């Protein structure tokens, strides 16, 4: 079981919108006391509707072309968002199997010690996008509805930024990343880590930066932002790859900034891509 601090009850997890570079429109800070916990013990933070600037500005020298243009987006409906990435124990509770019983899409899982380092109940379940859909369908059946899904890319970034417009949810200084993220490790000694051990973002979400990449619902298009709707964008109607966000534990993750995005085949089942669920408000 995760302790009080991991559930965001500690003072450090409580949201504060007076953080770095306030966004276009500040929404009400989610109340920790309103966290919803489902039948599997998954904790969900209430996220208010609001507006924000999605993507990276031209002033960010690290920003890539596929993070631009920066554009204003409205999230018109509130939702609940997973406080943590879905863990292996939660996966087993819903599907009755360990996610690592499934074949991996890369050879890194067979490196000496890797299995032991990452196959643990409180670590993220790293699975394919298609696997995540299977989990979601089973969880919805278990809970009696259809309220669980992956977030859209816009919903993910909105919740990740948590009312900020800086490069990270905690500011612009790379030197502070270690307080908030597991990152930059090698494949010989590194791996995923227990969720909820680093500092959360201002809305009480843990591991938004690092630990495991997170699948979102959208198809990937490097030019999508040029014509994206301003209200509740759903991403392209079709594509070959799905979007992942947030960066992961290893050094080749490229970036852990709030706006960074990259693509993977929806069948890809590695050791560094997990997911976080959205629960609709109604």
C-alpha atoms as a PDB file:
ATOM      1  CA  UNK A   1       0.000   0.000   0.000  1.00  0.00           C
ATOM      2  CA  UNK A   2       1.127   3.547  -0.710  1.00  0.00           C
ATOM      3  CA  UNK A   3       1.531   5.761   2.303  1.00  0.00           C
ATOM      4  CA  UNK A   4      -0.036   9.137   2.990  1.00  0.00           C
ATOM      5  CA  UNK A   5       2.840  11.029   1.419  1.00  0.00           C
ATOM      6  CA  UNK A   6       2.608   8.998  -1.787  1.00  0.00           C
ATOM      7  CA  UNK A   7      -1.124   9.670  -1.967  1.00  0.00           C
ATOM      8  CA  UNK A   8      -0.392  13.374  -2.014  1.00  0.00           C
ATOM      9  CA  UNK A   9      -1.674  14.133   1.472  1.00  0.00           C
ATOM     10  CA  UNK A  10       1.694  15.581   2.405  1.00  0.00           C
ATOM     11  CA  UNK A  11       1.987  19.347   2.067  1.00  0.00           C
ATOM     12  CA  UNK A  12       4.362  19.019  -0.868  1.00  0.00           C
ATOM     13  CA  UNK A  13       1.671  17.387  -2.999  1.00  0.00           C
ATOM     14  CA  UNK A  14      -0.934  20.081  -2.561  1.00  0.00           C
ATOM     15  CA  UNK A  15      -1.417  22.188  -5.678  1.00  0.00           C
ATOM     16  CA  UNK A  16      -0.334  25.824  -5.905  1.00  0.00           C
ATOM     17  CA  UNK A  17      -1.045  27.860  -9.002  1.00  0.00           C
ATOM     18  CA  UNK A  18       1.311  30.592  -7.977  1.00  0.00           C
ATOM     19  CA  UNK A  19       4.154  28.591  -9.499  1.00  0.00           C
ATOM     20  CA  UNK A  20       6.396  29.317 -12.467  1.00  0.00           C
ATOM     21  CA  UNK A  21       4.973  31.366 -15.321  1.00  0.00           C
ATOM     22  CA  UNK A  22       1.218  31.181 -14.861  1.00  0.00           C
ATOM     23  CA  UNK A  23      -0.707  29.855 -17.848  1.00  0.00           C
ATOM     24  CA  UNK A  24      -3.197  31.711 -20.030  1.00  0.00           C
ATOM     25  CA  UNK A  25      -6.059  31.206 -17.603  1.00  0.00           C
ATOM     26  CA  UNK A  26      -5.608  29.890 -14.105  1.00  0.00           C
ATOM     27  CA  UNK A  27      -8.058  27.203 -13.077  1.00  0.00           C
ATOM     28  CA  UNK A  28      -8.993  26.350  -9.525  1.00  0.00           C
ATOM     29  CA  UNK A  29      -6.352  24.241  -7.808  1.00  0.00           C
ATOM     30  CA  UNK A  30      -7.591  20.652  -7.311  1.00  0.00           C
ATOM     31  CA  UNK A  31      -8.445  19.825  -3.710  1.00  0.00           C
ATOM     32  CA  UNK A  32      -6.458  16.894  -2.318  1.00  0.00           C
ATOM     33  CA  UNK A  33      -9.420  15.900  -0.140  1.00  0.00           C
ATOM     34  CA  UNK A  34     -11.512  15.238  -3.242  1.00  0.00           C
ATOM     35  CA  UNK A  35      -9.211  12.516  -4.565  1.00  0.00           C
ATOM     36  CA  UNK A  36     -11.239   9.573  -5.877  1.00  0.00           C
ATOM     37  CA  UNK A  37     -10.002   6.026  -5.184  1.00  0.00           C
ATOM     38  CA  UNK A  38     -11.504   3.210  -7.224  1.00  0.00           C
ATOM     39  CA  UNK A  39     -12.016  -0.493  -6.475  1.00  0.00           C
ATOM     40  CA  UNK A  40      -8.392  -1.303  -7.428  1.00  0.00           C
ATOM     41  CA  UNK A  41      -6.970   1.390  -5.172  1.00  0.00           C
ATOM     42  CA  UNK A  42      -6.109   3.762  -8.030  1.00  0.00           C
ATOM     43  CA  UNK A  43      -6.134   7.383  -6.871  1.00  0.00           C
ATOM     44  CA  UNK A  44      -7.527  10.104  -9.161  1.00  0.00           C
ATOM     45  CA  UNK A  45      -7.080  13.852  -8.760  1.00  0.00           C
ATOM     46  CA  UNK A  46      -9.897  16.210  -9.853  1.00  0.00           C
ATOM     47  CA  UNK A  47      -8.692  18.422 -12.700  1.00  0.00           C
ATOM     48  CA  UNK A  48     -10.740  21.565 -13.441  1.00  0.00           C
ATOM     49  CA  UNK A  49     -11.652  22.865 -16.867  1.00  0.00           C
ATOM     50  CA  UNK A  50      -9.509  25.726 -18.128  1.00  0.00           C
ATOM     51  CA  UNK A  51      -7.240  27.178 -20.812  1.00  0.00           C
ATOM     52  CA  UNK A  52      -3.501  26.892 -21.375  1.00  0.00           C
ATOM     53  CA  UNK A  53      -0.764  27.366 -23.941  1.00  0.00           C
ATOM     54  CA  UNK A  54       0.061  23.999 -25.486  1.00  0.00           C
ATOM     55  CA  UNK A  55       3.449  23.286 -27.035  1.00  0.00           C
ATOM     56  CA  UNK A  56       6.710  25.195 -26.891  1.00  0.00           C
ATOM     57  CA  UNK A  57       7.454  28.835 -27.690  1.00  0.00           C
ATOM     58  CA  UNK A  58      10.098  29.817 -30.229  1.00  0.00           C
ATOM     59  CA  UNK A  59      12.159  31.183 -27.339  1.00  0.00           C
ATOM     60  CA  UNK A  60      12.837  27.655 -26.035  1.00  0.00           C
ATOM     61  CA  UNK A  61      16.100  26.654 -27.717  1.00  0.00           C
ATOM     62  CA  UNK A  62      15.507  22.964 -26.991  1.00  0.00           C
ATOM     63  CA  UNK A  63      12.060  22.912 -28.563  1.00  0.00           C
ATOM     64  CA  UNK A  64      11.640  20.797 -31.664  1.00  0.00           C
ATOM     65  CA  UNK A  65       9.515  21.623 -34.698  1.00  0.00           C
ATOM     66  CA  UNK A  66       6.891  19.036 -33.710  1.00  0.00           C
ATOM     67  CA  UNK A  67       6.256  20.947 -30.454  1.00  0.00           C
ATOM     68  CA  UNK A  68       5.192  24.041 -32.407  1.00  0.00           C
ATOM     69  CA  UNK A  69       3.442  26.313 -32.951  1.00  0.00           C
ATOM     70  CA  UNK A  70       2.545  27.045 -29.371  1.00  0.00           C
ATOM     71  CA  UNK A  71      -1.211  27.565 -29.338  1.00  0.00           C
ATOM     72  CA  UNK A  72      -4.014  28.243 -26.900  1.00  0.00           C
ATOM     73  CA  UNK A  73      -6.220  25.274 -25.982  1.00  0.00           C
ATOM     74  CA  UNK A  74      -9.402  25.126 -23.945  1.00  0.00           C
ATOM     75  CA  UNK A  75     -10.208  22.020 -21.925  1.00  0.00           C
ATOM     76  CA  UNK A  76     -13.946  22.506 -21.583  1.00  0.00           C
ATOM     77  CA  UNK A  77     -14.792  19.711 -19.136  1.00  0.00           C
ATOM     78  CA  UNK A  78     -13.288  18.782 -15.784  1.00  0.00           C
ATOM     79  CA  UNK A  79     -11.969  15.257 -15.311  1.00  0.00           C
ATOM     80  CA  UNK A  80     -10.147  13.031 -12.852  1.00  0.00           C
ATOM     81  CA  UNK A  81      -6.546  12.103 -13.610  1.00  0.00           C
ATOM     82  CA  UNK A  82      -4.442   9.304 -12.169  1.00  0.00           C
ATOM     83  CA  UNK A  83      -2.195  10.556  -9.403  1.00  0.00           C
ATOM     84  CA  UNK A  84       0.283   7.840 -10.405  1.00  0.00           C
ATOM     85  CA  UNK A  85       1.176   5.789 -13.442  1.00  0.00           C
ATOM     86  CA  UNK A  86      -0.681   2.461 -13.483  1.00  0.00           C
ATOM     87  CA  UNK A  87       1.354  -0.037 -11.475  1.00  0.00           C
ATOM     88  CA  UNK A  88       2.050  -3.711 -12.025  1.00  0.00           C
ATOM     89  CA  UNK A  89      -0.016  -4.675  -8.958  1.00  0.00           C
ATOM     90  CA  UNK A  90      -3.004  -2.756 -10.347  1.00  0.00           C
ATOM     91  CA  UNK A  91      -2.532  -4.444 -13.711  1.00  0.00           C
ATOM     92  CA  UNK A  92      -2.569  -7.843 -12.022  1.00  0.00           C
ATOM     93  CA  UNK A  93      -5.661  -6.948  -9.974  1.00  0.00           C
ATOM     94  CA  UNK A  94      -7.594  -6.151 -13.160  1.00  0.00           C
ATOM     95  CA  UNK A  95      -6.231  -8.688 -15.665  1.00  0.00           C
ATOM     96  CA  UNK A  96      -5.001 -11.460 -13.386  1.00  0.00           C
ATOM     97  CA  UNK A  97      -1.493 -11.573 -14.851  1.00  0.00           C
ATOM     98  CA  UNK A  98       1.810  -9.775 -14.584  1.00  0.00           C
ATOM     99  CA  UNK A  99       2.385  -7.414 -17.521  1.00  0.00           C
ATOM    100  CA  UNK A 100       5.865  -8.881 -17.960  1.00  0.00           C
ATOM    101  CA  UNK A 101       4.390 -12.270 -18.793  1.00  0.00           C
ATOM    102  CA  UNK A 102       3.876 -10.711 -22.234  1.00  0.00           C
ATOM    103  CA  UNK A 103       6.683 -10.750 -24.774  1.00  0.00           C
ATOM    104  CA  UNK A 104       8.794  -7.606 -24.958  1.00  0.00           C
ATOM    105  CA  UNK A 105       9.382  -5.705 -28.193  1.00  0.00           C
ATOM    106  CA  UNK A 106      13.045  -4.960 -27.474  1.00  0.00           C
ATOM    107  CA  UNK A 107      15.985  -6.986 -26.112  1.00  0.00           C
ATOM    108  CA  UNK A 108      16.694  -4.788 -23.094  1.00  0.00           C
ATOM    109  CA  UNK A 109      14.442  -6.833 -20.797  1.00  0.00           C
ATOM    110  CA  UNK A 110      16.910  -9.714 -21.123  1.00  0.00           C
ATOM    111  CA  UNK A 111      19.929  -7.660 -19.990  1.00  0.00           C
ATOM    112  CA  UNK A 112      21.501  -9.003 -16.776  1.00  0.00           C
ATOM    113  CA  UNK A 113      19.468  -7.855 -13.782  1.00  0.00           C
ATOM    114  CA  UNK A 114      16.873  -5.891 -15.765  1.00  0.00           C
ATOM    115  CA  UNK A 115      14.002  -8.262 -14.993  1.00  0.00           C
ATOM    116  CA  UNK A 116      14.754  -8.075 -11.281  1.00  0.00           C
ATOM    117  CA  UNK A 117      15.079  -4.286 -11.336  1.00  0.00           C
ATOM    118  CA  UNK A 118      11.760  -3.526 -13.027  1.00  0.00           C
ATOM    119  CA  UNK A 119       9.374  -6.434 -12.380  1.00  0.00           C
ATOM    120  CA  UNK A 120       8.013  -5.160  -9.077  1.00  0.00           C
ATOM    121  CA  UNK A 121       4.450  -4.496  -7.857  1.00  0.00           C
ATOM    122  CA  UNK A 122       4.834  -0.763  -7.197  1.00  0.00           C
ATOM    123  CA  UNK A 123       6.672   0.008 -10.458  1.00  0.00           C
ATOM    124  CA  UNK A 124       4.841   1.204 -13.591  1.00  0.00           C
ATOM    125  CA  UNK A 125       3.319  -1.445 -15.852  1.00  0.00           C
ATOM    126  CA  UNK A 126       5.196  -0.882 -19.117  1.00  0.00           C
ATOM    127  CA  UNK A 127       3.000  -2.168 -21.922  1.00  0.00           C
ATOM    128  CA  UNK A 128       1.880  -1.387 -25.467  1.00  0.00           C
ATOM    129  CA  UNK A 129      -0.855   1.086 -26.379  1.00  0.00           C
ATOM    130  CA  UNK A 130      -3.011  -1.870 -27.414  1.00  0.00           C
ATOM    131  CA  UNK A 131      -2.344  -3.539 -24.050  1.00  0.00           C
ATOM    132  CA  UNK A 132      -3.480  -0.369 -22.282  1.00  0.00           C
ATOM    133  CA  UNK A 133      -6.759  -0.496 -24.218  1.00  0.00           C
ATOM    134  CA  UNK A 134      -7.287  -4.074 -23.019  1.00  0.00           C
ATOM    135  CA  UNK A 135      -6.708  -2.971 -19.414  1.00  0.00           C
ATOM    136  CA  UNK A 136      -9.094  -0.033 -19.803  1.00  0.00           C
ATOM    137  CA  UNK A 137     -11.868  -2.235 -21.199  1.00  0.00           C
ATOM    138  CA  UNK A 138     -11.463  -4.693 -18.316  1.00  0.00           C
ATOM    139  CA  UNK A 139     -11.406  -1.914 -15.703  1.00  0.00           C
ATOM    140  CA  UNK A 140     -14.549  -0.333 -17.153  1.00  0.00           C
ATOM    141  CA  UNK A 141     -16.319  -3.708 -16.963  1.00  0.00           C
ATOM    142  CA  UNK A 142     -15.157  -4.163 -13.399  1.00  0.00           C
ATOM    143  CA  UNK A 143     -16.332  -0.689 -12.370  1.00  0.00           C
ATOM    144  CA  UNK A 144     -19.586  -0.909 -14.342  1.00  0.00           C
ATOM    145  CA  UNK A 145     -19.337   1.884 -16.912  1.00  0.00           C
ATOM    146  CA  UNK A 146     -17.096   3.476 -19.503  1.00  0.00           C
ATOM    147  CA  UNK A 147     -15.505   6.327 -17.585  1.00  0.00           C
ATOM    148  CA  UNK A 148     -11.872   5.244 -17.873  1.00  0.00           C
ATOM    149  CA  UNK A 149      -9.712   6.004 -20.906  1.00  0.00           C
ATOM    150  CA  UNK A 150      -6.343   7.347 -21.931  1.00  0.00           C
ATOM    151  CA  UNK A 151      -6.110  11.143 -21.893  1.00  0.00           C
ATOM    152  CA  UNK A 152      -5.869  13.078 -25.101  1.00  0.00           C
ATOM    153  CA  UNK A 153      -2.514  14.689 -25.705  1.00  0.00           C
ATOM    154  CA  UNK A 154      -4.008  18.075 -24.804  1.00  0.00           C
ATOM    155  CA  UNK A 155      -5.523  16.786 -21.566  1.00  0.00           C
ATOM    156  CA  UNK A 156      -2.209  15.199 -20.606  1.00  0.00           C
ATOM    157  CA  UNK A 157      -0.193  18.380 -21.156  1.00  0.00           C
ATOM    158  CA  UNK A 158      -2.819  20.532 -19.433  1.00  0.00           C
ATOM    159  CA  UNK A 159      -2.702  18.345 -16.314  1.00  0.00           C
ATOM    160  CA  UNK A 160       1.091  18.003 -16.492  1.00  0.00           C
ATOM    161  CA  UNK A 161       1.611  21.774 -16.643  1.00  0.00           C
ATOM    162  CA  UNK A 162      -0.826  22.294 -13.749  1.00  0.00           C
ATOM    163  CA  UNK A 163      -1.248  26.003 -14.314  1.00  0.00           C
ATOM    164  CA  UNK A 164       2.366  26.688 -15.271  1.00  0.00           C
ATOM    165  CA  UNK A 165       3.884  27.637 -18.607  1.00  0.00           C
ATOM    166  CA  UNK A 166       7.515  26.864 -17.854  1.00  0.00           C
ATOM    167  CA  UNK A 167       9.598  24.167 -19.530  1.00  0.00           C
ATOM    168  CA  UNK A 168       8.830  21.798 -16.656  1.00  0.00           C
ATOM    169  CA  UNK A 169       5.957  21.837 -14.184  1.00  0.00           C
ATOM    170  CA  UNK A 170       8.433  23.009 -11.508  1.00  0.00           C
ATOM    171  CA  UNK A 171      10.178  25.747 -13.522  1.00  0.00           C
ATOM    172  CA  UNK A 172      12.858  26.155 -16.166  1.00  0.00           C
ATOM    173  CA  UNK A 173      15.966  24.931 -14.353  1.00  0.00           C
ATOM    174  CA  UNK A 174      17.225  21.511 -15.490  1.00  0.00           C
ATOM    175  CA  UNK A 175      19.138  21.242 -12.221  1.00  0.00           C
ATOM    176  CA  UNK A 176      15.831  20.737 -10.370  1.00  0.00           C
ATOM    177  CA  UNK A 177      14.745  17.768 -12.509  1.00  0.00           C
ATOM    178  CA  UNK A 178      16.228  15.216 -10.124  1.00  0.00           C
ATOM    179  CA  UNK A 179      13.810  16.237  -7.364  1.00  0.00           C
ATOM    180  CA  UNK A 180      10.838  15.435  -9.611  1.00  0.00           C
ATOM    181  CA  UNK A 181      11.905  12.675 -11.998  1.00  0.00           C
ATOM    182  CA  UNK A 182      13.766   9.417 -12.394  1.00  0.00           C
ATOM    183  CA  UNK A 183      15.800  10.050 -15.512  1.00  0.00           C
ATOM    184  CA  UNK A 184      19.123   9.722 -17.305  1.00  0.00           C
ATOM    185  CA  UNK A 185      19.981   6.146 -16.268  1.00  0.00           C
ATOM    186  CA  UNK A 186      21.798   3.547 -18.349  1.00  0.00           C
ATOM    187  CA  UNK A 187      20.504   0.142 -19.441  1.00  0.00           C
ATOM    188  CA  UNK A 188      23.102  -1.820 -17.493  1.00  0.00           C
ATOM    189  CA  UNK A 189      22.166  -0.611 -14.019  1.00  0.00           C
ATOM    190  CA  UNK A 190      18.984   1.440 -14.408  1.00  0.00           C
ATOM    191  CA  UNK A 191      15.275   0.738 -14.617  1.00  0.00           C
ATOM    192  CA  UNK A 192      11.850   1.917 -13.564  1.00  0.00           C
ATOM    193  CA  UNK A 193      11.229   2.919  -9.949  1.00  0.00           C
ATOM    194  CA  UNK A 194       8.341   2.773  -7.468  1.00  0.00           C
ATOM    195  CA  UNK A 195       5.715   5.378  -8.310  1.00  0.00           C
ATOM    196  CA  UNK A 196       5.247   8.394  -6.074  1.00  0.00           C
ATOM    197  CA  UNK A 197       8.762   8.675  -4.643  1.00  0.00           C
ATOM    198  CA  UNK A 198       9.730  12.004  -6.238  1.00  0.00           C
ATOM    199  CA  UNK A 199       8.070  15.393  -5.741  1.00  0.00           C
ATOM    200  CA  UNK A 200       4.714  15.864  -7.514  1.00  0.00           C
ATOM    201  CA  UNK A 201       3.664  18.636  -9.862  1.00  0.00           C
ATOM    202  CA  UNK A 202       1.604  21.560  -8.491  1.00  0.00           C
ATOM    203  CA  UNK A 203      -1.639  19.581  -8.922  1.00  0.00           C
ATOM    204  CA  UNK A 204      -0.359  16.574  -6.993  1.00  0.00           C
ATOM    205  CA  UNK A 205       0.500  14.308  -9.941  1.00  0.00           C
ATOM    206  CA  UNK A 206       3.591  12.142  -9.470  1.00  0.00           C
ATOM    207  CA  UNK A 207       6.122  11.023 -12.089  1.00  0.00           C
ATOM    208  CA  UNK A 208       4.760  13.351 -14.769  1.00  0.00           C
ATOM    209  CA  UNK A 209       8.392  13.808 -15.721  1.00  0.00           C
ATOM    210  CA  UNK A 210      10.414  10.621 -16.088  1.00  0.00           C
ATOM    211  CA  UNK A 211      10.089   7.079 -14.707  1.00  0.00           C
ATOM    212  CA  UNK A 212       7.954   5.798 -17.608  1.00  0.00           C
ATOM    213  CA  UNK A 213       6.758   7.393 -20.810  1.00  0.00           C
ATOM    214  CA  UNK A 214       2.961   7.600 -20.856  1.00  0.00           C
ATOM    215  CA  UNK A 215       0.736   6.609 -23.755  1.00  0.00           C
ATOM    216  CA  UNK A 216      -1.991   9.062 -24.698  1.00  0.00           C
ATOM    217  CA  UNK A 217      -4.983   8.495 -26.941  1.00  0.00           C
ATOM    218  CA  UNK A 218      -3.858  10.505 -29.977  1.00  0.00           C
ATOM    219  CA  UNK A 219      -2.381   9.379 -33.243  1.00  0.00           C
ATOM    220  CA  UNK A 220       0.931  11.120 -33.903  1.00  0.00           C
ATOM    221  CA  UNK A 221       1.385  13.814 -36.538  1.00  0.00           C
ATOM    222  CA  UNK A 222       4.469  16.063 -36.298  1.00  0.00           C
ATOM    223  CA  UNK A 223       2.493  18.886 -37.907  1.00  0.00           C
ATOM    224  CA  UNK A 224      -0.736  18.453 -35.964  1.00  0.00           C
ATOM    225  CA  UNK A 225      -0.474  21.697 -34.011  1.00  0.00           C
ATOM    226  CA  UNK A 226      -0.671  23.846 -37.148  1.00  0.00           C
ATOM    227  CA  UNK A 227      -4.341  22.963 -37.630  1.00  0.00           C
ATOM    228  CA  UNK A 228      -5.389  21.655 -34.222  1.00  0.00           C
ATOM    229  CA  UNK A 229      -8.804  22.772 -32.887  1.00  0.00           C
ATOM    230  CA  UNK A 230      -8.653  25.221 -30.013  1.00  0.00           C
ATOM    231  CA  UNK A 231     -11.300  23.452 -27.916  1.00  0.00           C
ATOM    232  CA  UNK A 232     -10.797  19.863 -26.692  1.00  0.00           C
ATOM    233  CA  UNK A 233      -8.542  18.710 -29.539  1.00  0.00           C
ATOM    234  CA  UNK A 234      -8.690  14.961 -30.161  1.00  0.00           C
ATOM    235  CA  UNK A 235      -5.641  14.628 -32.397  1.00  0.00           C
ATOM    236  CA  UNK A 236      -5.504  13.295 -35.963  1.00  0.00           C
ATOM    237  CA  UNK A 237      -8.233  10.925 -37.152  1.00  0.00           C
ATOM    238  CA  UNK A 238      -5.711   8.293 -38.225  1.00  0.00           C
ATOM    239  CA  UNK A 239      -2.015   7.507 -38.301  1.00  0.00           C
ATOM    240  CA  UNK A 240       0.656   4.846 -37.891  1.00  0.00           C
ATOM    241  CA  UNK A 241       1.988   5.676 -34.441  1.00  0.00           C
ATOM    242  CA  UNK A 242       0.549   6.823 -31.120  1.00  0.00           C
ATOM    243  CA  UNK A 243       1.911   9.629 -28.940  1.00  0.00           C
ATOM    244  CA  UNK A 244       3.849   9.149 -25.705  1.00  0.00           C
ATOM    245  CA  UNK A 245       4.571  11.905 -23.197  1.00  0.00           C
ATOM    246  CA  UNK A 246       6.701  12.697 -20.168  1.00  0.00           C
ATOM    247  CA  UNK A 247      10.040  10.993 -20.780  1.00  0.00           C
ATOM    248  CA  UNK A 248      11.327   7.915 -18.976  1.00  0.00           C
ATOM    249  CA  UNK A 249      14.039   6.611 -16.684  1.00  0.00           C
ATOM    250  CA  UNK A 250      16.754   6.103 -19.283  1.00  0.00           C
ATOM    251  CA  UNK A 251      19.217   8.517 -20.826  1.00  0.00           C
ATOM    252  CA  UNK A 252      17.947   8.071 -24.388  1.00  0.00           C
ATOM    253  CA  UNK A 253      14.494   9.436 -23.499  1.00  0.00           C
ATOM    254  CA  UNK A 254      15.630  12.723 -25.157  1.00  0.00           C
ATOM    255  CA  UNK A 255      13.586  15.183 -23.102  1.00  0.00           C
ATOM    256  CA  UNK A 256      11.433  15.383 -19.994  1.00  0.00           C
ATOM    257  CA  UNK A 257       9.963  18.826 -20.716  1.00  0.00           C
ATOM    258  CA  UNK A 258       6.174  19.290 -20.438  1.00  0.00           C
ATOM    259  CA  UNK A 259       5.772  19.976 -24.155  1.00  0.00           C
ATOM    260  CA  UNK A 260       7.970  17.197 -25.527  1.00  0.00           C
ATOM    261  CA  UNK A 261       6.253  14.480 -27.541  1.00  0.00           C
ATOM    262  CA  UNK A 262       7.317  11.466 -29.522  1.00  0.00           C
ATOM    263  CA  UNK A 263       5.748   8.505 -31.287  1.00  0.00           C
ATOM    264  CA  UNK A 264       5.740   4.713 -31.046  1.00  0.00           C
ATOM    265  CA  UNK A 265       3.961   1.895 -32.798  1.00  0.00           C
ATOM    266  CA  UNK A 266       0.815   1.001 -30.791  1.00  0.00           C
ATOM    267  CA  UNK A 267       2.029  -2.622 -30.645  1.00  0.00           C
ATOM    268  CA  UNK A 268       5.386  -1.651 -29.120  1.00  0.00           C
ATOM    269  CA  UNK A 269       5.840  -3.290 -25.713  1.00  0.00           C
ATOM    270  CA  UNK A 270       9.125  -2.173 -24.218  1.00  0.00           C
ATOM    271  CA  UNK A 271      10.413  -1.506 -20.712  1.00  0.00           C
ATOM    272  CA  UNK A 272       9.936   2.250 -20.491  1.00  0.00           C
ATOM    273  CA  UNK A 273       6.411   3.106 -21.729  1.00  0.00           C
ATOM    274  CA  UNK A 274       3.478   2.875 -19.339  1.00  0.00           C
ATOM    275  CA  UNK A 275       0.278   4.835 -18.986  1.00  0.00           C
ATOM    276  CA  UNK A 276      -1.843   6.970 -16.676  1.00  0.00           C
ATOM    277  CA  UNK A 277      -5.625   6.909 -16.809  1.00  0.00           C
ATOM    278  CA  UNK A 278      -8.243   9.597 -17.094  1.00  0.00           C
ATOM    279  CA  UNK A 279     -11.629   9.116 -15.441  1.00  0.00           C
ATOM    280  CA  UNK A 280     -14.404  11.237 -16.887  1.00  0.00           C
ATOM    281  CA  UNK A 281     -16.309  13.431 -14.455  1.00  0.00           C
ATOM    282  CA  UNK A 282     -19.682  11.981 -15.541  1.00  0.00           C
END
